[in-house]
Amino acid sequence: MQNRLLYILLALVAAILIVRASLFTVSEGQLAIKSIGGEIVDSNIQPGLHFRIPLVNEVSRYDGRILTQMYPSEHFLTREQEQLNVDFYVKWRIQNLRRYYESTGGTEEVANARLGETVKDSIKSVVTQRTLQQVITAERAEFTDAMMKTARPLAEQLGIELVDVRITKIDLPQQVQDSVFDRMRSTFKAEGVEASEKIRAEANKSQTEILADAARQAAQTRGQGDASASEVYAKSYSKNAEFYSFYRSMQSYRDAIGTQGDMLVIAPDSAYFKYFNKPQPQPPQR
């Protein structure tokens, strides 16, 4: 009786172990493949509880989420053979599990290494087509789009979806930095001289325009003054024609008399004689 009970217990334990070995679960965010002797039997296993043949089927699980891998600084040459040091990281996830397993053996380290080489080649193709200034001043979005366009098809051959590539830092070797800074200083200096000459030219132009405008206004004012003086003179002359005739005569006499001792003879019919001998108005009689 006791032996029979022992056999039952052993059979129950064996059944539990067999059932446990025959079942496996796949969690959300996981991918799994079932294989026999390295040959894939099923690579489209959904999350949940599944069955396998113990000691025959092998089950391998992989992370189906987006993974991030940082890469150390790499050296690249620009179109004019200037050296750049570029730091970058990659975001990726498994797209085709069967292809991923066959190309990388299902090892994440191998996948990161092969993906890194693919991205480096794409960065190299982008950098070698541009000058140093174009690489430094390029928009990050434009730079990333160019890399992704080259690297994404190659990543798909590994069964990987290349989600993003980010350049974290672009450095120049010290010698290249000195050369670039010298060229930048020369450029800024030339631009400064050009700007100074432009400002000076604008100032000279403004000065010339101001002086010309001032001269025009002065001439206009002088003309208006001369016109006003002529008008005043004409009005005064019309009222004192006799006096102005006398004044002009005196001017002529002054110009004619040249030396000391010259004698001035006034004729009775001269303007001077007539002016100082004209009848004076008499006061009214009371």
Protein backbone atom coordinates (compact mmCIF):
# COMPACT_ATOMS: atom_id res chain seq x y z
CA MET A 1 0.00 0.00 0.00
CA GLN A 2 2.75 2.37 0.91
CA ASN A 3 4.68 1.51 -2.24
CA ARG A 4 1.60 2.19 -4.34
CA LEU A 5 1.16 5.58 -2.71
CA LEU A 6 4.79 6.38 -3.35
CA TYR A 7 4.43 5.49 -7.02
CA ILE A 8 1.40 7.73 -7.31
CA LEU A 9 3.25 10.63 -5.76
CA LEU A 10 6.23 10.10 -8.07
CA ALA A 11 3.94 9.95 -11.09
CA LEU A 12 2.20 13.14 -9.99
CA VAL A 13 5.49 14.97 -9.54
CA ALA A 14 6.69 13.75 -12.94
CA ALA A 15 3.46 14.91 -14.55
CA ILE A 16 3.80 18.33 -12.97
CA LEU A 17 7.36 18.62 -14.18
CA ILE A 18 6.41 17.51 -17.70
CA VAL A 19 3.50 19.98 -17.84
CA ARG A 20 5.69 22.72 -16.50
CA ALA A 21 8.40 21.97 -19.06
CA SER A 22 5.81 21.84 -21.83
CA LEU A 23 4.37 25.30 -21.16
CA PHE A 24 5.98 28.67 -21.54
CA THR A 25 4.78 32.28 -21.41
CA VAL A 26 5.60 35.35 -23.46
CA SER A 27 5.13 38.73 -21.74
CA GLU A 28 4.01 41.99 -23.26
CA GLY A 29 6.96 43.74 -24.90
CA GLN A 30 8.68 40.42 -25.60
CA LEU A 31 9.28 38.50 -28.82
CA ALA A 32 9.90 34.74 -28.89
CA ILE A 33 10.91 32.04 -31.33
CA LYS A 34 10.55 28.26 -31.05
CA SER A 35 13.25 26.15 -32.67
CA ILE A 36 14.47 22.55 -32.98
CA GLY A 37 18.21 22.07 -33.15
CA GLY A 38 18.75 25.69 -34.17
CA GLU A 39 16.11 25.57 -36.89
CA ILE A 40 13.25 28.01 -36.35
CA VAL A 41 9.85 26.35 -36.04
CA ASP A 42 7.76 29.38 -35.10
CA SER A 43 8.79 33.05 -34.98
CA ASN A 44 5.35 34.62 -34.72
CA ILE A 45 4.49 33.85 -31.12
CA GLN A 46 2.11 36.31 -29.50
CA PRO A 47 2.18 37.25 -25.81
CA GLY A 48 0.49 34.66 -23.60
CA LEU A 49 0.75 30.97 -22.62
CA HIS A 50 2.10 28.51 -25.21
CA PHE A 51 3.01 24.81 -25.51
CA ARG A 52 6.27 23.16 -26.51
CA ILE A 53 7.69 19.65 -26.64
CA PRO A 54 10.05 19.23 -23.71
CA LEU A 55 13.67 18.47 -24.54
CA VAL A 56 12.85 19.00 -28.24
CA ASN A 57 11.71 22.59 -28.71
CA GLU A 58 13.92 25.46 -27.62
CA VAL A 59 12.30 28.81 -26.83
CA SER A 60 14.26 32.07 -27.03
CA ARG A 61 12.83 35.38 -25.85
CA TYR A 62 13.93 38.87 -26.98
CA ASP A 63 13.14 42.42 -25.96
CA GLY A 64 10.64 43.93 -28.41
CA ARG A 65 10.93 47.48 -27.05
CA ILE A 66 13.05 50.30 -28.44
CA LEU A 67 16.67 49.88 -27.40
CA THR A 68 19.31 52.60 -27.14
CA GLN A 69 22.98 52.04 -27.80
CA MET A 70 25.72 54.64 -27.27
CA TYR A 71 28.84 54.51 -29.42
CA PRO A 72 32.28 55.97 -28.69
CA SER A 73 33.75 58.81 -30.70
CA GLU A 74 34.60 57.93 -34.30
CA HIS A 75 36.88 59.73 -36.76
CA PHE A 76 35.58 60.91 -40.11
CA LEU A 77 37.09 62.95 -42.96
CA THR A 78 35.27 65.76 -44.70
CA ARG A 79 35.37 66.50 -48.41
CA GLU A 80 38.52 68.62 -47.99
CA GLN A 81 40.10 65.87 -45.84
CA GLU A 82 39.54 67.66 -42.53
CA GLN A 83 39.18 65.27 -39.58
CA LEU A 84 36.10 65.23 -37.35
CA ASN A 85 35.39 63.34 -34.14
CA VAL A 86 31.72 62.37 -33.95
CA ASP A 87 29.82 60.93 -30.96
CA PHE A 88 26.42 59.39 -31.63
CA TYR A 89 23.81 56.98 -30.33
CA VAL A 90 21.23 54.78 -32.04
CA LYS A 91 17.66 53.81 -31.17
CA TRP A 92 16.44 50.56 -32.68
CA ARG A 93 14.10 47.61 -32.22
CA ILE A 94 13.58 44.19 -33.74
CA GLN A 95 11.40 44.36 -36.84
CA ASN A 96 11.73 40.86 -38.33
CA LEU A 97 12.53 38.31 -35.65
CA ARG A 98 13.42 35.49 -38.03
CA ARG A 99 15.82 37.66 -40.01
CA TYR A 100 17.25 39.12 -36.81
CA TYR A 101 17.91 35.63 -35.43
CA GLU A 102 19.50 34.41 -38.64
CA SER A 103 21.77 37.49 -39.14
CA THR A 104 22.87 38.04 -35.55
CA GLY A 105 22.30 34.67 -33.90
CA GLY A 106 19.83 36.40 -31.61
CA THR A 107 22.64 38.12 -29.69
CA GLU A 108 22.09 41.77 -28.79
CA GLU A 109 25.82 42.52 -28.62
CA VAL A 110 26.31 41.26 -32.17
CA ALA A 111 23.30 43.28 -33.32
CA ASN A 112 24.71 46.47 -31.72
CA ALA A 113 28.12 45.92 -33.31
CA ARG A 114 26.75 45.30 -36.81
CA LEU A 115 24.28 48.16 -36.51
CA GLY A 116 27.07 50.47 -35.35
CA GLU A 117 29.16 49.64 -38.41
CA THR A 118 26.14 50.30 -40.63
CA VAL A 119 25.50 53.72 -39.04
CA LYS A 120 29.20 54.64 -39.21
CA ASP A 121 29.21 53.93 -42.94
CA SER A 122 26.16 56.13 -43.40
CA ILE A 123 27.74 58.97 -41.38
CA LYS A 124 30.91 58.61 -43.42
CA SER A 125 28.97 58.86 -46.69
CA VAL A 126 27.26 62.04 -45.47
CA VAL A 127 30.39 63.71 -44.07
CA THR A 128 32.63 62.97 -47.07
CA GLN A 129 30.16 64.77 -49.35
CA ARG A 130 30.34 67.97 -47.33
CA THR A 131 32.96 70.52 -46.35
CA LEU A 132 33.89 71.15 -42.74
CA GLN A 133 31.84 74.34 -42.65
CA GLN A 134 28.82 72.60 -44.14
CA VAL A 135 29.00 69.83 -41.54
CA ILE A 136 29.32 72.25 -38.63
CA THR A 137 26.64 74.66 -39.79
CA ALA A 138 24.20 72.04 -41.13
CA GLU A 139 20.87 71.58 -39.42
CA ARG A 140 20.80 68.46 -37.25
CA ALA A 141 17.51 67.37 -38.84
CA GLU A 142 19.01 67.60 -42.32
CA PHE A 143 22.13 65.72 -41.20
CA THR A 144 20.08 62.99 -39.48
CA ASP A 145 17.71 62.57 -42.41
CA ALA A 146 20.64 62.05 -44.77
CA MET A 147 22.13 59.38 -42.48
CA MET A 148 18.82 57.62 -41.92
CA LYS A 149 18.16 57.48 -45.65
CA THR A 150 21.37 55.51 -46.11
CA ALA A 151 21.37 53.40 -42.92
CA ARG A 152 17.72 52.37 -42.67
CA PRO A 153 17.70 49.92 -45.65
CA LEU A 154 20.90 48.30 -44.37
CA ALA A 155 19.44 47.91 -40.90
CA GLU A 156 16.37 46.20 -42.34
CA GLN A 157 18.64 43.53 -43.77
CA LEU A 158 19.49 42.67 -40.16
CA GLY A 159 15.81 42.45 -39.25
CA ILE A 160 16.15 45.74 -37.33
CA GLU A 161 14.06 48.89 -37.52
CA LEU A 162 16.31 51.91 -37.18
CA VAL A 163 14.20 54.31 -35.13
CA ASP A 164 16.62 57.21 -34.74
CA VAL A 165 20.26 58.25 -35.01
CA ARG A 166 21.44 61.21 -32.96
CA ILE A 167 24.73 63.08 -33.18
CA THR A 168 25.59 64.10 -29.63
CA LYS A 169 28.87 65.89 -30.30
CA ILE A 170 31.09 66.94 -33.18
CA ASP A 171 34.65 67.81 -32.20
CA LEU A 172 37.67 68.93 -34.16
CA PRO A 173 41.22 67.87 -33.38
CA GLN A 174 43.16 70.68 -31.72
CA GLN A 175 45.20 71.40 -34.84
CA VAL A 176 42.06 71.61 -36.95
CA GLN A 177 40.38 73.82 -34.34
CA ASP A 178 43.27 76.29 -34.47
CA SER A 179 43.11 76.36 -38.26
CA VAL A 180 39.36 76.88 -38.26
CA PHE A 181 39.53 79.63 -35.65
CA ASP A 182 42.24 81.42 -37.63
CA ARG A 183 40.12 81.30 -40.76
CA MET A 184 37.07 82.50 -38.83
CA ARG A 185 39.03 85.39 -37.37
CA SER A 186 40.30 86.35 -40.84
CA THR A 187 36.77 86.16 -42.22
CA PHE A 188 35.32 88.25 -39.41
CA LYS A 189 38.12 90.78 -39.76
CA ALA A 190 37.52 91.08 -43.50
CA GLU A 191 33.80 91.42 -42.91
CA GLY A 192 34.51 94.06 -40.25
CA VAL A 193 36.68 96.08 -42.64
CA GLU A 194 34.05 95.79 -45.32
CA ALA A 195 31.35 96.89 -42.90
CA SER A 196 33.53 99.80 -41.74
CA GLU A 197 34.09 100.93 -45.32
CA LYS A 198 30.37 100.66 -45.98
CA ILE A 199 29.55 102.73 -42.90
CA ARG A 200 32.16 105.33 -43.89
CA ALA A 201 30.74 105.52 -47.40
CA GLU A 202 27.23 105.92 -46.03
CA ALA A 203 28.46 108.65 -43.68
CA ASN A 204 30.20 110.50 -46.53
CA LYS A 205 27.08 110.19 -48.64
CA SER A 206 24.93 111.55 -45.82
CA GLN A 207 27.39 114.40 -45.23
CA THR A 208 27.35 115.34 -48.92
CA GLU A 209 23.56 115.25 -49.01
CA ILE A 210 23.31 117.37 -45.84
CA LEU A 211 25.79 119.95 -47.18
CA ALA A 212 24.05 120.07 -50.55
CA ASP A 213 20.68 120.50 -48.88
CA ALA A 214 22.07 123.23 -46.62
CA ALA A 215 23.60 125.04 -49.61
CA ARG A 216 20.31 124.78 -51.48
CA GLN A 217 18.36 126.15 -48.51
CA ALA A 218 20.93 128.95 -48.06
CA ALA A 219 20.70 129.88 -51.73
CA GLN A 220 16.92 129.81 -51.52
CA THR A 221 16.96 131.97 -48.39
CA ARG A 222 19.47 134.36 -49.99
CA GLY A 223 17.30 134.63 -53.07
CA GLN A 224 14.25 135.35 -50.97
CA GLY A 225 16.22 137.98 -49.06
CA ASP A 226 17.46 139.60 -52.26
CA ALA A 227 13.93 139.61 -53.60
CA SER A 228 12.64 141.20 -50.39
CA ALA A 229 15.44 143.78 -50.44
CA SER A 230 14.70 144.62 -54.04
CA GLU A 231 11.05 144.99 -53.21
CA VAL A 232 11.87 147.25 -50.24
CA TYR A 233 14.33 149.20 -52.37
CA ALA A 234 11.75 149.63 -55.13
CA LYS A 235 9.14 150.86 -52.66
CA SER A 236 11.63 153.23 -51.01
CA TYR A 237 12.86 154.49 -54.37
CA SER A 238 9.34 155.23 -55.50
CA LYS A 239 8.88 157.36 -52.36
CA ASN A 240 12.38 159.03 -52.35
CA ALA A 241 13.40 159.00 -55.98
CA GLU A 242 15.02 162.37 -55.64
CA PHE A 243 17.15 161.27 -52.68
CA TYR A 244 18.35 158.10 -54.41
CA SER A 245 19.25 160.14 -57.50
CA PHE A 246 21.28 162.38 -55.27
CA TYR A 247 22.90 159.37 -53.55
CA ARG A 248 23.97 157.82 -56.85
CA SER A 249 25.41 161.11 -57.96
CA MET A 250 27.44 161.35 -54.76
CA GLN A 251 28.75 157.84 -55.35
CA SER A 252 29.86 158.88 -58.82
CA TYR A 253 31.57 161.98 -57.44
CA ARG A 254 33.39 159.95 -54.82
CA ASP A 255 34.68 157.55 -57.45
CA ALA A 256 35.74 160.46 -59.68
CA ILE A 257 37.67 162.35 -57.01
CA GLY A 258 40.90 160.48 -56.70
CA THR A 259 43.41 162.61 -54.68
CA GLN A 260 43.51 165.13 -51.93
CA GLY A 261 43.09 168.71 -53.12
CA ASP A 262 40.59 167.94 -55.84
CA MET A 263 37.83 170.55 -55.94
CA LEU A 264 34.16 169.69 -56.27
CA VAL A 265 32.11 172.19 -58.26
CA ILE A 266 28.39 171.86 -57.93
CA ALA A 267 26.36 173.10 -60.83
CA PRO A 268 23.07 174.86 -60.12
CA ASP A 269 21.18 172.18 -61.99
CA SER A 270 22.87 169.27 -60.13
CA ALA A 271 20.94 166.87 -57.91
CA TYR A 272 22.93 168.00 -54.85
CA PHE A 273 22.04 171.63 -55.44
CA LYS A 274 18.42 170.87 -56.12
CA TYR A 275 18.12 168.56 -53.06
CA PHE A 276 19.53 171.03 -50.51
CA ASN A 277 17.83 174.09 -52.03
CA LYS A 278 14.34 172.76 -52.46
CA PRO A 279 11.63 174.70 -50.70
CA GLN A 280 10.97 173.57 -47.15
CA PRO A 281 7.38 172.94 -46.03
CA GLN A 282 6.03 175.83 -43.89
CA PRO A 283 4.31 175.19 -40.57
CA PRO A 284 0.58 175.80 -40.57
CA GLN A 285 -0.61 179.28 -39.58
CA ARG A 286 -2.55 179.61 -36.38
